[in-house]
Amino acid sequence: MIGNAPRLALVARGLARRYGELTAVADFSLAVPAGAVYGLIGPNGAGKTTSLRMLATLLPPSDGEAWVAGASVTRESTRARRMLGYMPDFFGVYPELKVWEYLDFYAACHDVPSERRSRVCADLLELVELTPRRDAYVEGLSRGMQQRLGLARALVHDPAVLLLDEPASGLDPRARLELREVVRELGRMGKAVLVSSHILAELADLCTHVAIMDGGRVLVDGPVEEVSRRLDGGRTVRIRTLGQADRLRDLLATQPGVHAIRLEDADDGAPPVGGATPSACESSDEAPRGVRFVLDGDERALQRLLADLLQAGLPIYSFAQESTGLEDTFLRVTARGVRDEPGGP
């Protein structure tokens, strides 16, 4: 790690996979920090599963290279496998095994010492909230429970990186929420999680970072807010003020980095608390108004702007940055169809 730069757990540069004249993945480049939950978003056929299989050392790339916790997936595949856990969209289970036997079997496959396996299995069952089903047969588990068991299986050797391919596929809403909480906890534990999905709602409240993929290429990637800001050309900010909205708009027009200013109608936004309506004698100059605009700059630019507006004596009661949803971001990126300049590891 250099300076304050995050430690990278997974790095891919120019991964490609071709089948004769068919190109499944043309350019997969990504840098995943430790502790990040990185959403890999794209429509069916975008190349997500092929990319994950190359990262998991299950499919040799036609071009490019990737490293898992510093181990090359092409030249040090055995070492790389020790550093990663892979959960495919569909995985086999052994229905005649009990839950604890299933985990114990895979722990043995990963050379976890016999004296440690019992403790490892117990800890993982607690993590995925399957301890009460410890002695149940795998065939008796619901689809959601089997998904959580598959996640525990991918963790038996304590990998630094997790690759999850459509983990919520086929789950009911409750099971998705339970799985989402487990993935969040893995990020808090410092593991790097790369999770793919073509359903944006599954990842919107989960990911710290996002990579949008289409046509076999990563088109844009980075922290969710940074990606949205890059595409918007700045931060969208909304200010609510008790009067003097015209003065606020005029003052904003003089501020550096502020553009696309829009003054809302007096009745835009949420109604007053309690559903009360403005008094008939309340003048339009005193009515609550909103102003939306775009600000180029970082958090310090936001702080300076707010300080200047308050110093000017404006009656501001709300100052907030508005986030852009993943769905809007995805539609803009795939419509554009070109990759941003890579930040690159």
Protein backbone atom coordinates (compact mmCIF):
# COMPACT_ATOMS: atom_id res chain seq x y z
CA MET A 1 0.00 0.00 0.00
CA ILE A 2 1.39 3.39 -1.00
CA GLY A 3 0.43 6.37 1.16
CA ASN A 4 -3.30 6.25 1.87
CA ALA A 5 -4.10 4.12 -1.18
CA PRO A 6 -6.19 1.03 -0.33
CA ARG A 7 -4.59 -2.39 -0.41
CA LEU A 8 -5.70 -4.20 -3.55
CA ALA A 9 -6.92 -7.76 -3.06
CA LEU A 10 -7.79 -8.46 -6.70
CA VAL A 11 -6.35 -6.90 -9.85
CA ALA A 12 -7.27 -7.77 -13.45
CA ARG A 13 -5.67 -6.20 -16.51
CA GLY A 14 -6.99 -6.73 -20.00
CA LEU A 15 -8.46 -10.20 -19.46
CA ALA A 16 -9.98 -11.57 -22.65
CA ARG A 17 -11.51 -14.87 -23.69
CA ARG A 18 -12.16 -15.95 -27.26
CA TYR A 19 -13.75 -19.08 -28.71
CA GLY A 20 -12.62 -19.11 -32.32
CA GLU A 21 -14.16 -16.03 -33.89
CA LEU A 22 -16.49 -15.46 -30.91
CA THR A 23 -15.23 -13.04 -28.26
CA ALA A 24 -16.92 -13.66 -24.90
CA VAL A 25 -14.78 -11.17 -22.98
CA ALA A 26 -12.82 -8.46 -24.80
CA ASP A 27 -11.36 -6.36 -21.96
CA PHE A 28 -11.90 -7.07 -18.28
CA SER A 29 -9.82 -4.71 -16.14
CA LEU A 30 -10.58 -4.11 -12.48
CA ALA A 31 -8.92 -3.29 -9.13
CA VAL A 32 -10.78 -4.47 -6.01
CA PRO A 33 -9.62 -3.15 -2.62
CA ALA A 34 -9.65 -5.34 0.48
CA GLY A 35 -12.93 -4.93 2.36
CA ALA A 36 -14.85 -3.77 -0.72
CA VAL A 37 -18.12 -5.29 -1.85
CA TYR A 38 -17.73 -4.81 -5.61
CA GLY A 39 -20.85 -5.23 -7.74
CA LEU A 40 -20.30 -6.54 -11.25
CA ILE A 41 -23.40 -5.43 -13.14
CA GLY A 42 -24.39 -6.21 -16.69
CA PRO A 43 -27.11 -7.77 -18.83
CA ASN A 44 -27.18 -11.47 -19.61
CA GLY A 45 -24.41 -12.24 -22.09
CA ALA A 46 -22.22 -9.32 -20.98
CA GLY A 47 -19.35 -11.66 -20.04
CA LYS A 48 -19.72 -11.62 -16.24
CA THR A 49 -19.63 -15.39 -15.65
CA THR A 50 -16.76 -15.92 -18.09
CA SER A 51 -14.77 -13.18 -16.35
CA LEU A 52 -15.38 -14.71 -12.92
CA ARG A 53 -14.37 -18.15 -14.17
CA MET A 54 -11.08 -16.71 -15.46
CA LEU A 55 -10.45 -15.04 -12.11
CA ALA A 56 -11.25 -18.33 -10.36
CA THR A 57 -8.56 -20.10 -12.48
CA LEU A 58 -11.23 -22.36 -14.01
CA LEU A 59 -10.82 -20.91 -17.50
CA PRO A 60 -7.50 -19.78 -18.98
CA PRO A 61 -7.65 -16.27 -20.47
CA SER A 62 -6.81 -15.76 -24.13
CA ASP A 63 -5.08 -12.49 -23.19
CA GLY A 64 -4.38 -10.44 -20.10
CA GLU A 65 -3.46 -11.25 -16.54
CA ALA A 66 -4.98 -11.14 -13.06
CA TRP A 67 -3.69 -11.43 -9.52
CA VAL A 68 -5.52 -12.65 -6.41
CA ALA A 69 -3.84 -11.39 -3.23
CA GLY A 70 -0.67 -11.01 -5.30
CA ALA A 71 -0.78 -14.49 -6.89
CA SER A 72 -1.02 -14.71 -10.68
CA VAL A 73 -4.06 -16.68 -11.87
CA THR A 74 -2.11 -17.92 -14.91
CA ARG A 75 1.39 -18.57 -13.52
CA GLU A 76 0.54 -19.34 -9.88
CA SER A 77 -2.91 -20.84 -10.16
CA THR A 78 -2.52 -23.22 -7.19
CA ARG A 79 -1.47 -20.39 -4.91
CA ALA A 80 -4.23 -18.16 -6.26
CA ARG A 81 -6.86 -20.81 -5.51
CA ARG A 82 -5.80 -20.84 -1.87
CA MET A 83 -6.55 -17.10 -1.72
CA LEU A 84 -10.03 -17.16 -3.24
CA GLY A 85 -13.44 -18.65 -2.71
CA TYR A 86 -15.75 -19.13 -5.69
CA MET A 87 -19.50 -19.61 -5.57
CA PRO A 88 -20.99 -20.29 -9.02
CA ASP A 89 -24.59 -19.57 -9.96
CA PHE A 90 -25.44 -23.27 -9.78
CA PHE A 91 -23.40 -25.57 -7.59
CA GLY A 92 -23.74 -29.20 -6.67
CA VAL A 93 -24.71 -30.36 -3.20
CA TYR A 94 -24.51 -33.80 -1.65
CA PRO A 95 -28.08 -34.30 -0.37
CA GLU A 96 -27.25 -37.40 1.67
CA LEU A 97 -24.80 -35.44 3.86
CA LYS A 98 -25.71 -33.48 6.95
CA VAL A 99 -24.93 -29.77 6.93
CA TRP A 100 -21.90 -30.07 9.21
CA GLU A 101 -20.63 -33.09 7.24
CA TYR A 102 -20.88 -31.12 4.00
CA LEU A 103 -18.70 -28.31 5.36
CA ASP A 104 -16.29 -30.73 7.01
CA PHE A 105 -15.82 -32.55 3.71
CA TYR A 106 -14.91 -29.36 1.85
CA ALA A 107 -12.68 -28.18 4.68
CA ALA A 108 -10.77 -31.45 4.33
CA CYS A 109 -10.54 -30.90 0.55
CA HIS A 110 -8.87 -27.54 1.30
CA ASP A 111 -6.37 -29.19 3.70
CA VAL A 112 -7.80 -27.57 6.81
CA PRO A 113 -6.19 -29.56 9.68
CA SER A 114 -8.54 -32.06 11.31
CA GLU A 115 -8.10 -30.50 14.75
CA ARG A 116 -9.37 -27.15 13.38
CA ARG A 117 -12.20 -28.32 11.16
CA SER A 118 -14.84 -28.63 13.87
CA ARG A 119 -14.24 -25.04 15.04
CA VAL A 120 -14.12 -23.69 11.47
CA CYS A 121 -17.43 -25.37 10.57
CA ALA A 122 -19.10 -24.10 13.75
CA ASP A 123 -17.94 -20.53 13.09
CA LEU A 124 -19.12 -20.59 9.49
CA LEU A 125 -22.52 -22.02 10.39
CA GLU A 126 -22.91 -19.20 12.89
CA LEU A 127 -21.88 -16.63 10.27
CA VAL A 128 -24.49 -17.82 7.76
CA GLU A 129 -27.07 -18.44 10.50
CA LEU A 130 -27.38 -22.18 9.92
CA THR A 131 -26.30 -23.39 13.37
CA PRO A 132 -29.83 -24.63 14.21
CA ARG A 133 -29.74 -26.77 11.02
CA ARG A 134 -26.33 -28.25 11.77
CA ASP A 135 -27.60 -31.83 11.86
CA ALA A 136 -30.18 -31.45 9.10
CA TYR A 137 -29.63 -33.15 5.76
CA VAL A 138 -28.67 -30.86 2.90
CA GLU A 139 -31.60 -32.08 0.80
CA GLY A 140 -33.98 -30.75 3.45
CA LEU A 141 -32.71 -27.17 3.21
CA SER A 142 -34.60 -24.47 1.37
CA ARG A 143 -33.05 -22.82 -1.69
CA GLY A 144 -32.01 -19.82 0.41
CA MET A 145 -30.40 -22.01 3.05
CA GLN A 146 -28.54 -23.96 0.38
CA GLN A 147 -27.20 -20.67 -1.02
CA ARG A 148 -25.95 -19.67 2.42
CA LEU A 149 -24.41 -23.12 2.86
CA GLY A 150 -22.69 -22.69 -0.52
CA LEU A 151 -21.29 -19.38 0.68
CA ALA A 152 -20.00 -21.05 3.84
CA ARG A 153 -18.41 -23.73 1.66
CA ALA A 154 -16.53 -21.02 -0.27
CA LEU A 155 -15.17 -19.70 3.03
CA VAL A 156 -13.85 -22.91 4.64
CA HIS A 157 -10.21 -22.06 3.84
CA ASP A 158 -10.55 -18.39 4.90
CA PRO A 159 -9.90 -16.82 1.47
CA ALA A 160 -9.01 -13.14 1.05
CA VAL A 161 -11.21 -12.79 -2.07
CA LEU A 162 -14.72 -14.08 -2.75
CA LEU A 163 -16.22 -14.43 -6.22
CA LEU A 164 -20.00 -14.76 -6.12
CA ASP A 165 -21.82 -15.37 -9.41
CA GLU A 166 -25.51 -14.38 -9.19
CA PRO A 167 -25.75 -15.54 -5.55
CA ALA A 168 -29.35 -14.36 -5.10
CA SER A 169 -30.65 -16.12 -8.21
CA GLY A 170 -33.96 -17.82 -7.50
CA LEU A 171 -34.24 -16.61 -3.91
CA ASP A 172 -37.36 -15.16 -2.34
CA PRO A 173 -37.17 -11.60 -0.93
CA ARG A 174 -36.49 -12.73 2.66
CA ALA A 175 -33.70 -15.10 1.60
CA ARG A 176 -32.13 -12.30 -0.47
CA LEU A 177 -32.09 -9.99 2.54
CA GLU A 178 -30.47 -12.68 4.69
CA LEU A 179 -27.80 -13.36 2.07
CA ARG A 180 -27.18 -9.62 1.65
CA GLU A 181 -26.48 -9.23 5.38
CA VAL A 182 -23.94 -12.06 5.28
CA VAL A 183 -22.13 -10.47 2.32
CA ARG A 184 -22.05 -7.11 4.11
CA GLU A 185 -20.50 -8.78 7.15
CA LEU A 186 -17.81 -10.37 4.98
CA GLY A 187 -16.87 -6.91 3.71
CA ARG A 188 -16.66 -5.65 7.30
CA MET A 189 -14.35 -8.58 8.04
CA GLY A 190 -11.93 -7.20 5.43
CA LYS A 191 -12.59 -9.68 2.64
CA ALA A 192 -12.85 -8.43 -0.94
CA VAL A 193 -16.15 -9.57 -2.46
CA LEU A 194 -16.85 -9.45 -6.20
CA VAL A 195 -20.53 -10.23 -6.73
CA SER A 196 -22.22 -10.35 -10.12
CA SER A 197 -25.85 -9.74 -10.98
CA HIS A 198 -28.05 -8.54 -13.82
CA ILE A 199 -30.70 -7.40 -11.31
CA LEU A 200 -29.73 -3.93 -10.13
CA ALA A 201 -32.02 -3.96 -7.10
CA GLU A 202 -30.00 -6.83 -5.64
CA LEU A 203 -26.85 -4.71 -5.50
CA ALA A 204 -28.12 -1.14 -5.01
CA ASP A 205 -28.00 -1.24 -1.20
CA LEU A 206 -25.14 -3.71 -0.90
CA CYS A 207 -22.11 -2.55 -2.85
CA THR A 208 -19.40 -0.07 -1.92
CA HIS A 209 -18.05 -0.20 -5.49
CA VAL A 210 -19.52 -1.02 -8.87
CA ALA A 211 -18.27 -2.15 -12.27
CA ILE A 212 -20.67 -1.97 -15.19
CA MET A 213 -20.04 -4.47 -17.95
CA ASP A 214 -21.51 -4.84 -21.43
CA GLY A 215 -20.35 -6.41 -24.66
CA GLY A 216 -17.48 -8.21 -22.91
CA ARG A 217 -15.95 -4.98 -21.54
CA VAL A 218 -15.88 -3.14 -18.25
CA LEU A 219 -17.26 0.25 -19.25
CA VAL A 220 -16.92 2.10 -15.96
CA ASP A 221 -15.88 1.17 -12.42
CA GLY A 222 -15.11 2.64 -9.01
CA PRO A 223 -16.85 3.64 -5.77
CA VAL A 224 -20.60 3.93 -6.36
CA GLU A 225 -20.82 7.66 -5.60
CA GLU A 226 -17.72 8.43 -7.65
CA VAL A 227 -19.08 6.56 -10.69
CA SER A 228 -22.39 8.43 -10.46
CA ARG A 229 -20.60 11.76 -10.04
CA ARG A 230 -18.33 11.08 -13.01
CA LEU A 231 -21.31 10.39 -15.22
CA ASP A 232 -23.29 13.35 -13.96
CA GLY A 233 -20.32 15.67 -14.44
CA GLY A 234 -20.44 16.66 -10.76
CA ARG A 235 -22.43 16.39 -7.55
CA THR A 236 -26.15 17.07 -7.66
CA VAL A 237 -27.04 19.23 -4.65
CA ARG A 238 -30.45 20.38 -3.41
CA ILE A 239 -30.89 23.34 -1.08
CA ARG A 240 -34.15 24.21 0.67
CA THR A 241 -34.58 27.75 1.93
CA LEU A 242 -37.25 29.69 3.84
CA GLY A 243 -37.56 32.48 1.32
CA GLN A 244 -35.00 34.43 -0.75
CA ALA A 245 -34.82 31.62 -3.31
CA ASP A 246 -34.20 34.06 -6.16
CA ARG A 247 -31.30 35.60 -4.22
CA LEU A 248 -29.93 32.12 -3.53
CA ARG A 249 -30.10 31.26 -7.23
CA ASP A 250 -28.32 34.47 -8.21
CA LEU A 251 -25.60 33.94 -5.60
CA LEU A 252 -25.04 30.34 -6.71
CA ALA A 253 -24.53 31.59 -10.28
CA THR A 254 -21.46 33.51 -9.07
CA GLN A 255 -19.86 30.52 -7.32
CA PRO A 256 -17.02 28.60 -9.03
CA GLY A 257 -17.89 25.09 -10.18
CA VAL A 258 -21.67 25.59 -9.90
CA HIS A 259 -23.81 25.01 -12.98
CA ALA A 260 -27.20 23.65 -14.14
CA ILE A 261 -29.05 25.70 -11.51
CA ARG A 262 -32.81 25.06 -11.34
CA LEU A 263 -35.26 26.90 -9.11
CA GLU A 264 -38.12 24.67 -7.98
CA ASP A 265 -41.72 25.78 -7.77
CA ALA A 266 -42.90 26.75 -4.30
CA ASP A 267 -44.93 23.56 -3.95
CA ASP A 268 -42.16 21.19 -5.18
CA GLY A 269 -40.74 18.70 -2.70
CA ALA A 270 -42.17 17.21 0.48
CA PRO A 271 -45.20 18.86 2.12
CA PRO A 272 -44.80 20.66 5.43
CA VAL A 273 -44.73 18.53 8.59
CA GLY A 274 -48.25 17.51 9.63
CA GLY A 275 -49.59 18.14 6.12
CA ALA A 276 -50.20 21.83 6.83
CA THR A 277 -50.48 24.17 3.87
CA PRO A 278 -48.88 27.61 3.71
CA SER A 279 -50.99 30.41 5.09
CA ALA A 280 -52.87 32.47 2.55
CA CYS A 281 -51.10 35.53 3.87
CA GLU A 282 -47.66 33.93 3.51
CA SER A 283 -45.86 35.70 0.69
CA SER A 284 -44.10 33.79 -2.03
CA ASP A 285 -40.86 35.43 -0.91
CA GLU A 286 -41.20 33.66 2.46
CA ALA A 287 -42.49 30.29 1.24
CA PRO A 288 -40.14 27.29 1.39
CA ARG A 289 -38.40 26.86 -1.96
CA GLY A 290 -35.83 24.49 -3.36
CA VAL A 291 -32.86 25.01 -5.65
CA ARG A 292 -31.07 22.16 -7.43
CA PHE A 293 -27.67 22.49 -9.09
CA VAL A 294 -24.51 20.59 -10.00
CA LEU A 295 -21.24 21.30 -8.20
CA ASP A 296 -17.86 20.22 -9.55
CA GLY A 297 -15.54 19.43 -6.68
CA ASP A 298 -14.97 17.30 -3.60
CA GLU A 299 -16.36 17.44 -0.04
CA ARG A 300 -14.24 20.49 0.74
CA ALA A 301 -15.90 22.35 -2.14
CA LEU A 302 -19.30 21.47 -0.65
CA GLN A 303 -18.24 22.74 2.78
CA ARG A 304 -16.87 26.01 1.38
CA LEU A 305 -20.03 26.65 -0.61
CA LEU A 306 -22.29 26.06 2.38
CA ALA A 307 -20.14 28.36 4.55
CA ASP A 308 -20.35 31.13 1.93
CA LEU A 309 -24.13 30.83 1.66
CA LEU A 310 -24.64 30.92 5.42
CA GLN A 311 -22.30 33.89 5.73
CA ALA A 312 -24.50 35.69 3.20
CA GLY A 313 -27.39 35.35 5.65
CA LEU A 314 -29.59 33.07 3.53
CA PRO A 315 -32.28 31.23 5.55
CA ILE A 316 -31.16 27.72 4.55
CA TYR A 317 -32.72 24.79 6.40
CA SER A 318 -31.64 21.89 4.17
CA PHE A 319 -28.43 21.29 2.19
CA ALA A 320 -27.96 17.78 0.79
CA GLN A 321 -26.20 15.93 -1.98
CA GLU A 322 -28.56 13.73 -3.98
CA SER A 323 -27.38 10.31 -5.01
CA THR A 324 -28.03 8.79 -8.42
CA GLY A 325 -29.55 5.33 -8.46
CA LEU A 326 -27.65 2.38 -9.93
CA GLU A 327 -30.38 1.91 -12.53
CA ASP A 328 -29.90 5.41 -13.94
CA THR A 329 -26.12 4.96 -13.88
CA PHE A 330 -26.35 1.61 -15.66
CA LEU A 331 -28.63 2.94 -18.39
CA ARG A 332 -26.36 5.92 -19.07
CA VAL A 333 -23.20 3.80 -19.22
CA THR A 334 -24.57 1.08 -21.47
CA ALA A 335 -26.18 3.67 -23.76
CA ARG A 336 -22.83 5.40 -24.08
CA GLY A 337 -21.04 2.10 -24.71
CA VAL A 338 -17.52 3.41 -24.20
CA ARG A 339 -15.15 2.91 -21.30
CA ASP A 340 -14.10 5.80 -19.10
CA GLU A 341 -10.41 6.45 -18.75
CA PRO A 342 -9.29 3.71 -16.36
CA GLY A 343 -7.99 4.59 -12.95
CA GLY A 344 -5.92 1.43 -13.25
CA PRO A 345 -4.06 -0.29 -10.46
